[in-house]
Amino acid sequence: MAASDIDVCSQALGRLGIPPISSFDDNRVAATCESFYGDVINTLFSRYPWQFARRYKLLDRLTAAPPARWRYQHQLPPEMARPQLYGVFRSNRENAPPLKAFEVVGKVLLSNDPVLWASYGTRPVESDWPAPFYTLAIYALAAALAVPVTEDAGKAEYWQSQAFGPPSAAGLGGFFRVARMADAREDVPPQMQDYSLIEARLGSGGWR
């Protein structure tokens, strides 16, 4: 779908009864949209391993010597959304077991294995979002903008419920549930079917 951050913001504003914007420089409302947009969308991508945003890639091995504890270091993909590293593998064969002994420092992965593949999350541009996620983004942004733009807490509560369900749903209901179920029906490579976040916590292992 042809879409942009301005389109998403305009759609969210429309849900609040406010005219659309053509750029983030239009007025105070547009500036408010820009200030909230990144955090709202990043939160949506980080709260679930969306299949449409996942990638599987052979990592580039770096020639520089790693810290003494490790034998190799690999460059993590620049498009990877930190910390959305879903799994590290020694091969790309089906049902390959995940690597557990590794450490991530910035955009570098340290390990004792010379060849590694990674399953990870990205943040696709708006035009690559599937329709259910696009709608979820509009609802979530409308919830975030309601009070700062309209000063109406009732609208914020309504769109929060539309996006994530009632409080009893713990943020997993509403259109988030619809988008998640639609995403689960997408086909993915076998190596990416187990999307549990693998954290290396051996000694000082893990994200730093």
C-alpha atoms as a PDB file:
ATOM      1  CA  MET A   1       0.000   0.000   0.000  1.00  0.00           C
ATOM      2  CA  ALA A   2       1.210   3.512  -0.779  1.00  0.00           C
ATOM      3  CA  ALA A   3       1.598   5.163   2.602  1.00  0.00           C
ATOM      4  CA  SER A   4       3.890   7.388   4.653  1.00  0.00           C
ATOM      5  CA  ASP A   5       4.238   8.670   8.181  1.00  0.00           C
ATOM      6  CA  ILE A   6       2.164  11.699   7.168  1.00  0.00           C
ATOM      7  CA  ASP A   7      -0.619   9.415   5.945  1.00  0.00           C
ATOM      8  CA  VAL A   8      -0.674   7.468   9.213  1.00  0.00           C
ATOM      9  CA  CYS A   9      -0.728  10.677  11.248  1.00  0.00           C
ATOM     10  CA  SER A  10      -3.498  12.163   9.104  1.00  0.00           C
ATOM     11  CA  GLN A  11      -5.579   9.021   9.490  1.00  0.00           C
ATOM     12  CA  ALA A  12      -5.076   9.116  13.269  1.00  0.00           C
ATOM     13  CA  LEU A  13      -6.051  12.776  13.404  1.00  0.00           C
ATOM     14  CA  GLY A  14      -9.143  12.000  11.363  1.00  0.00           C
ATOM     15  CA  ARG A  15     -10.225   9.514  14.037  1.00  0.00           C
ATOM     16  CA  LEU A  16     -10.039  12.434  16.479  1.00  0.00           C
ATOM     17  CA  GLY A  17     -12.076  14.757  14.257  1.00  0.00           C
ATOM     18  CA  ILE A  18      -9.090  16.861  13.212  1.00  0.00           C
ATOM     19  CA  PRO A  19      -8.205  17.790   9.589  1.00  0.00           C
ATOM     20  CA  PRO A  20      -5.297  15.944   7.941  1.00  0.00           C
ATOM     21  CA  ILE A  21      -1.815  17.369   7.654  1.00  0.00           C
ATOM     22  CA  SER A  22       0.438  17.616   4.602  1.00  0.00           C
ATOM     23  CA  SER A  23       3.744  17.833   6.484  1.00  0.00           C
ATOM     24  CA  PHE A  24       5.062  17.915  10.027  1.00  0.00           C
ATOM     25  CA  ASP A  25       5.724  21.644   9.583  1.00  0.00           C
ATOM     26  CA  ASP A  26       2.080  22.552   9.004  1.00  0.00           C
ATOM     27  CA  ASN A  27       1.133  23.645  12.506  1.00  0.00           C
ATOM     28  CA  ARG A  28       1.287  22.784  16.214  1.00  0.00           C
ATOM     29  CA  VAL A  29      -0.824  19.666  15.739  1.00  0.00           C
ATOM     30  CA  ALA A  30       1.507  18.414  13.012  1.00  0.00           C
ATOM     31  CA  ALA A  31       4.520  19.001  15.242  1.00  0.00           C
ATOM     32  CA  THR A  32       2.815  17.078  18.041  1.00  0.00           C
ATOM     33  CA  CYS A  33       2.186  14.189  15.659  1.00  0.00           C
ATOM     34  CA  GLU A  34       5.848  14.089  14.728  1.00  0.00           C
ATOM     35  CA  SER A  35       6.946  14.085  18.376  1.00  0.00           C
ATOM     36  CA  PHE A  36       4.736  11.079  19.219  1.00  0.00           C
ATOM     37  CA  TYR A  37       4.997   9.107  15.995  1.00  0.00           C
ATOM     38  CA  GLY A  38       8.389   7.431  16.387  1.00  0.00           C
ATOM     39  CA  ASP A  39       7.787   6.181  19.927  1.00  0.00           C
ATOM     40  CA  VAL A  40       4.325   4.817  19.123  1.00  0.00           C
ATOM     41  CA  ILE A  41       5.474   2.911  16.029  1.00  0.00           C
ATOM     42  CA  ASN A  42       8.673   1.625  17.636  1.00  0.00           C
ATOM     43  CA  THR A  43       6.621   0.310  20.549  1.00  0.00           C
ATOM     44  CA  LEU A  44       4.316  -1.566  18.179  1.00  0.00           C
ATOM     45  CA  PHE A  45       7.266  -3.236  16.475  1.00  0.00           C
ATOM     46  CA  SER A  46       8.969  -4.139  19.739  1.00  0.00           C
ATOM     47  CA  ARG A  47       5.975  -5.667  21.528  1.00  0.00           C
ATOM     48  CA  TYR A  48       5.565  -8.589  19.092  1.00  0.00           C
ATOM     49  CA  PRO A  49       7.875 -10.371  16.578  1.00  0.00           C
ATOM     50  CA  TRP A  50       5.872  -9.472  13.471  1.00  0.00           C
ATOM     51  CA  GLN A  51       6.555 -11.953  10.688  1.00  0.00           C
ATOM     52  CA  PHE A  52       6.269  -9.317   7.968  1.00  0.00           C
ATOM     53  CA  ALA A  53       9.130  -7.451   9.642  1.00  0.00           C
ATOM     54  CA  ARG A  54      11.403 -10.457  10.263  1.00  0.00           C
ATOM     55  CA  ARG A  55      14.467 -11.302   8.193  1.00  0.00           C
ATOM     56  CA  TYR A  56      16.942 -14.209   8.092  1.00  0.00           C
ATOM     57  CA  LYS A  57      20.497 -13.511   7.006  1.00  0.00           C
ATOM     58  CA  LEU A  58      24.024 -14.910   6.900  1.00  0.00           C
ATOM     59  CA  LEU A  59      26.109 -12.594   9.075  1.00  0.00           C
ATOM     60  CA  ASP A  60      29.294 -10.949   7.809  1.00  0.00           C
ATOM     61  CA  ARG A  61      32.324 -12.005   9.814  1.00  0.00           C
ATOM     62  CA  LEU A  62      34.661  -9.201  10.850  1.00  0.00           C
ATOM     63  CA  THR A  63      38.425  -9.523  10.543  1.00  0.00           C
ATOM     64  CA  ALA A  64      39.286  -7.529  13.644  1.00  0.00           C
ATOM     65  CA  ALA A  65      40.279  -9.557  16.700  1.00  0.00           C
ATOM     66  CA  PRO A  66      37.422  -9.980  19.208  1.00  0.00           C
ATOM     67  CA  PRO A  67      37.784  -9.690  23.000  1.00  0.00           C
ATOM     68  CA  ALA A  68      39.825 -12.485  24.591  1.00  0.00           C
ATOM     69  CA  ARG A  69      36.812 -14.501  25.664  1.00  0.00           C
ATOM     70  CA  TRP A  70      35.587 -14.962  22.083  1.00  0.00           C
ATOM     71  CA  ARG A  71      37.111 -16.257  18.837  1.00  0.00           C
ATOM     72  CA  TYR A  72      34.950 -14.501  16.244  1.00  0.00           C
ATOM     73  CA  GLN A  73      32.857 -11.410  15.770  1.00  0.00           C
ATOM     74  CA  HIS A  74      30.119 -10.792  13.236  1.00  0.00           C
ATOM     75  CA  GLN A  75      28.430  -7.625  12.047  1.00  0.00           C
ATOM     76  CA  LEU A  76      24.729  -7.521  12.829  1.00  0.00           C
ATOM     77  CA  PRO A  77      22.542  -6.243   9.977  1.00  0.00           C
ATOM     78  CA  PRO A  78      22.259  -2.446   9.963  1.00  0.00           C
ATOM     79  CA  GLU A  79      18.502  -2.707   9.394  1.00  0.00           C
ATOM     80  CA  MET A  80      17.978  -4.783  12.528  1.00  0.00           C
ATOM     81  CA  ALA A  81      15.811  -3.047  15.110  1.00  0.00           C
ATOM     82  CA  ARG A  82      17.604  -3.332  18.449  1.00  0.00           C
ATOM     83  CA  PRO A  83      17.089  -5.451  20.480  1.00  0.00           C
ATOM     84  CA  GLN A  84      14.993  -7.574  18.128  1.00  0.00           C
ATOM     85  CA  LEU A  85      17.419 -10.438  17.633  1.00  0.00           C
ATOM     86  CA  TYR A  86      15.163 -13.498  17.634  1.00  0.00           C
ATOM     87  CA  GLY A  87      17.748 -16.225  17.132  1.00  0.00           C
ATOM     88  CA  VAL A  88      21.323 -17.037  16.083  1.00  0.00           C
ATOM     89  CA  PHE A  89      22.102 -20.278  14.234  1.00  0.00           C
ATOM     90  CA  ARG A  90      25.136 -22.177  12.954  1.00  0.00           C
ATOM     91  CA  SER A  91      23.352 -23.047   9.687  1.00  0.00           C
ATOM     92  CA  ASN A  92      20.256 -22.239   7.675  1.00  0.00           C
ATOM     93  CA  ARG A  93      18.975 -25.803   7.591  1.00  0.00           C
ATOM     94  CA  GLU A  94      15.467 -26.526   8.809  1.00  0.00           C
ATOM     95  CA  ASN A  95      15.157 -26.956  12.585  1.00  0.00           C
ATOM     96  CA  ALA A  96      18.734 -25.872  13.205  1.00  0.00           C
ATOM     97  CA  PRO A  97      19.181 -25.468  16.983  1.00  0.00           C
ATOM     98  CA  PRO A  98      19.738 -21.920  18.197  1.00  0.00           C
ATOM     99  CA  LEU A  99      23.156 -20.838  19.399  1.00  0.00           C
ATOM    100  CA  LYS A 100      23.158 -19.956  23.087  1.00  0.00           C
ATOM    101  CA  ALA A 101      26.739 -18.853  23.782  1.00  0.00           C
ATOM    102  CA  PHE A 102      27.170 -15.391  22.315  1.00  0.00           C
ATOM    103  CA  GLU A 103      27.282 -11.759  23.305  1.00  0.00           C
ATOM    104  CA  VAL A 104      26.000  -8.676  21.534  1.00  0.00           C
ATOM    105  CA  VAL A 105      27.875  -5.403  21.906  1.00  0.00           C
ATOM    106  CA  GLY A 106      26.287  -2.614  19.917  1.00  0.00           C
ATOM    107  CA  LYS A 107      25.942  -3.903  16.357  1.00  0.00           C
ATOM    108  CA  VAL A 108      28.542  -6.668  16.775  1.00  0.00           C
ATOM    109  CA  LEU A 109      27.870 -10.276  17.766  1.00  0.00           C
ATOM    110  CA  LEU A 110      30.675 -12.116  19.585  1.00  0.00           C
ATOM    111  CA  SER A 111      30.866 -15.922  19.603  1.00  0.00           C
ATOM    112  CA  ASN A 112      33.110 -18.940  19.106  1.00  0.00           C
ATOM    113  CA  ASP A 113      31.520 -19.931  15.773  1.00  0.00           C
ATOM    114  CA  PRO A 114      32.925 -18.825  12.397  1.00  0.00           C
ATOM    115  CA  VAL A 115      29.669 -18.999  10.394  1.00  0.00           C
ATOM    116  CA  LEU A 116      26.402 -17.685  11.789  1.00  0.00           C
ATOM    117  CA  TRP A 117      22.905 -16.903  10.597  1.00  0.00           C
ATOM    118  CA  ALA A 118      20.526 -14.582  12.412  1.00  0.00           C
ATOM    119  CA  SER A 119      16.770 -14.197  12.597  1.00  0.00           C
ATOM    120  CA  TYR A 120      15.902 -10.625  13.492  1.00  0.00           C
ATOM    121  CA  GLY A 121      13.281  -7.900  13.355  1.00  0.00           C
ATOM    122  CA  THR A 122      13.311  -4.763  11.231  1.00  0.00           C
ATOM    123  CA  ARG A 123      11.132  -1.688  10.952  1.00  0.00           C
ATOM    124  CA  PRO A 124       9.745  -1.706   7.393  1.00  0.00           C
ATOM    125  CA  VAL A 125       8.638   1.561   5.812  1.00  0.00           C
ATOM    126  CA  GLU A 126       4.956   2.364   5.977  1.00  0.00           C
ATOM    127  CA  SER A 127       4.318   1.359   2.356  1.00  0.00           C
ATOM    128  CA  ASP A 128       5.374  -2.215   3.260  1.00  0.00           C
ATOM    129  CA  TRP A 129       3.029  -2.591   6.213  1.00  0.00           C
ATOM    130  CA  PRO A 130       0.168  -5.069   5.797  1.00  0.00           C
ATOM    131  CA  ALA A 131      -3.296  -3.560   6.137  1.00  0.00           C
ATOM    132  CA  PRO A 132      -4.044  -4.909   9.658  1.00  0.00           C
ATOM    133  CA  PHE A 133      -0.818  -3.464  11.074  1.00  0.00           C
ATOM    134  CA  TYR A 134      -1.466  -0.161   9.291  1.00  0.00           C
ATOM    135  CA  THR A 135      -4.870   0.074  10.950  1.00  0.00           C
ATOM    136  CA  LEU A 136      -3.395  -0.847  14.333  1.00  0.00           C
ATOM    137  CA  ALA A 137      -0.830   1.942  13.964  1.00  0.00           C
ATOM    138  CA  ILE A 138      -3.601   4.455  13.258  1.00  0.00           C
ATOM    139  CA  TYR A 139      -5.586   3.408  16.325  1.00  0.00           C
ATOM    140  CA  ALA A 140      -2.529   3.393  18.607  1.00  0.00           C
ATOM    141  CA  LEU A 141      -1.438   6.813  17.385  1.00  0.00           C
ATOM    142  CA  ALA A 142      -4.940   8.215  17.827  1.00  0.00           C
ATOM    143  CA  ALA A 143      -4.863   7.001  21.441  1.00  0.00           C
ATOM    144  CA  ALA A 144      -1.509   8.665  22.046  1.00  0.00           C
ATOM    145  CA  LEU A 145      -2.531  11.954  20.411  1.00  0.00           C
ATOM    146  CA  ALA A 146      -6.003  12.307  21.900  1.00  0.00           C
ATOM    147  CA  VAL A 147      -5.086  14.150  25.100  1.00  0.00           C
ATOM    148  CA  PRO A 148      -2.253  16.383  23.803  1.00  0.00           C
ATOM    149  CA  VAL A 149      -4.256  17.364  20.699  1.00  0.00           C
ATOM    150  CA  THR A 150      -7.897  17.378  21.855  1.00  0.00           C
ATOM    151  CA  GLU A 151      -7.556  17.394  25.671  1.00  0.00           C
ATOM    152  CA  ASP A 152     -10.226  14.695  25.687  1.00  0.00           C
ATOM    153  CA  ALA A 153      -9.315  11.757  27.936  1.00  0.00           C
ATOM    154  CA  GLY A 154     -12.444   9.931  26.810  1.00  0.00           C
ATOM    155  CA  LYS A 155     -11.166   9.790  23.231  1.00  0.00           C
ATOM    156  CA  ALA A 156      -7.810   8.534  24.455  1.00  0.00           C
ATOM    157  CA  GLU A 157      -9.499   5.762  26.412  1.00  0.00           C
ATOM    158  CA  TYR A 158     -11.707   4.831  23.456  1.00  0.00           C
ATOM    159  CA  TRP A 159      -8.876   4.537  20.928  1.00  0.00           C
ATOM    160  CA  GLN A 160      -6.663   2.768  23.441  1.00  0.00           C
ATOM    161  CA  SER A 161      -9.419   0.195  23.786  1.00  0.00           C
ATOM    162  CA  GLN A 162      -9.815  -0.062  20.023  1.00  0.00           C
ATOM    163  CA  ALA A 163      -6.086  -0.625  19.612  1.00  0.00           C
ATOM    164  CA  PHE A 164      -5.336  -2.931  22.540  1.00  0.00           C
ATOM    165  CA  GLY A 165      -8.614  -3.952  24.106  1.00  0.00           C
ATOM    166  CA  PRO A 166      -9.895  -3.304  27.644  1.00  0.00           C
ATOM    167  CA  PRO A 167      -7.501  -3.260  30.611  1.00  0.00           C
ATOM    168  CA  SER A 168      -8.348  -6.897  31.288  1.00  0.00           C
ATOM    169  CA  ALA A 169      -6.774  -7.828  27.926  1.00  0.00           C
ATOM    170  CA  ALA A 170      -3.376  -6.620  29.184  1.00  0.00           C
ATOM    171  CA  GLY A 171      -2.634  -4.857  25.912  1.00  0.00           C
ATOM    172  CA  LEU A 172      -3.166  -8.001  23.832  1.00  0.00           C
ATOM    173  CA  GLY A 173      -6.746  -7.430  22.691  1.00  0.00           C
ATOM    174  CA  GLY A 174      -8.440  -5.015  20.331  1.00  0.00           C
ATOM    175  CA  PHE A 175      -6.984  -4.576  16.884  1.00  0.00           C
ATOM    176  CA  PHE A 176      -3.595  -5.684  18.163  1.00  0.00           C
ATOM    177  CA  ARG A 177      -5.059  -9.167  18.430  1.00  0.00           C
ATOM    178  CA  VAL A 178      -6.544  -8.918  14.919  1.00  0.00           C
ATOM    179  CA  ALA A 179      -3.227  -7.780  13.432  1.00  0.00           C
ATOM    180  CA  ARG A 180      -1.299 -10.445  15.304  1.00  0.00           C
ATOM    181  CA  MET A 181      -3.602 -13.221  14.113  1.00  0.00           C
ATOM    182  CA  ALA A 182      -3.359 -12.000  10.516  1.00  0.00           C
ATOM    183  CA  ASP A 183       0.425 -11.860  10.809  1.00  0.00           C
ATOM    184  CA  ALA A 184       0.539 -15.419  12.165  1.00  0.00           C
ATOM    185  CA  ARG A 185      -1.090 -16.673   8.967  1.00  0.00           C
ATOM    186  CA  GLU A 186       1.773 -15.368   6.850  1.00  0.00           C
ATOM    187  CA  ASP A 187       4.225 -17.941   5.492  1.00  0.00           C
ATOM    188  CA  VAL A 188       7.764 -17.752   6.869  1.00  0.00           C
ATOM    189  CA  PRO A 189      10.932 -19.813   6.331  1.00  0.00           C
ATOM    190  CA  PRO A 190      11.202 -22.826   8.684  1.00  0.00           C
ATOM    191  CA  GLN A 191      14.221 -21.311  10.442  1.00  0.00           C
ATOM    192  CA  MET A 192      12.122 -18.329  11.519  1.00  0.00           C
ATOM    193  CA  GLN A 193       9.170 -20.205  12.968  1.00  0.00           C
ATOM    194  CA  ASP A 194      10.558 -20.204  16.506  1.00  0.00           C
ATOM    195  CA  TYR A 195      10.670 -16.496  17.297  1.00  0.00           C
ATOM    196  CA  SER A 196      11.445 -16.693  20.995  1.00  0.00           C
ATOM    197  CA  LEU A 197      13.931 -13.985  21.909  1.00  0.00           C
ATOM    198  CA  ILE A 198      17.237 -15.643  22.614  1.00  0.00           C
ATOM    199  CA  GLU A 199      19.330 -13.739  25.101  1.00  0.00           C
ATOM    200  CA  ALA A 200      22.895 -14.792  25.822  1.00  0.00           C
ATOM    201  CA  ARG A 201      23.480 -14.267  29.515  1.00  0.00           C
ATOM    202  CA  LEU A 202      26.651 -16.243  30.100  1.00  0.00           C
ATOM    203  CA  GLY A 203      28.806 -14.201  32.421  1.00  0.00           C
ATOM    204  CA  SER A 204      28.705 -10.709  30.918  1.00  0.00           C
ATOM    205  CA  GLY A 205      26.829 -12.000  27.859  1.00  0.00           C
ATOM    206  CA  GLY A 206      23.767 -10.320  26.401  1.00  0.00           C
ATOM    207  CA  TRP A 207      23.127  -6.793  25.120  1.00  0.00           C
ATOM    208  CA  ARG A 208      25.428  -3.975  26.088  1.00  0.00           C
END
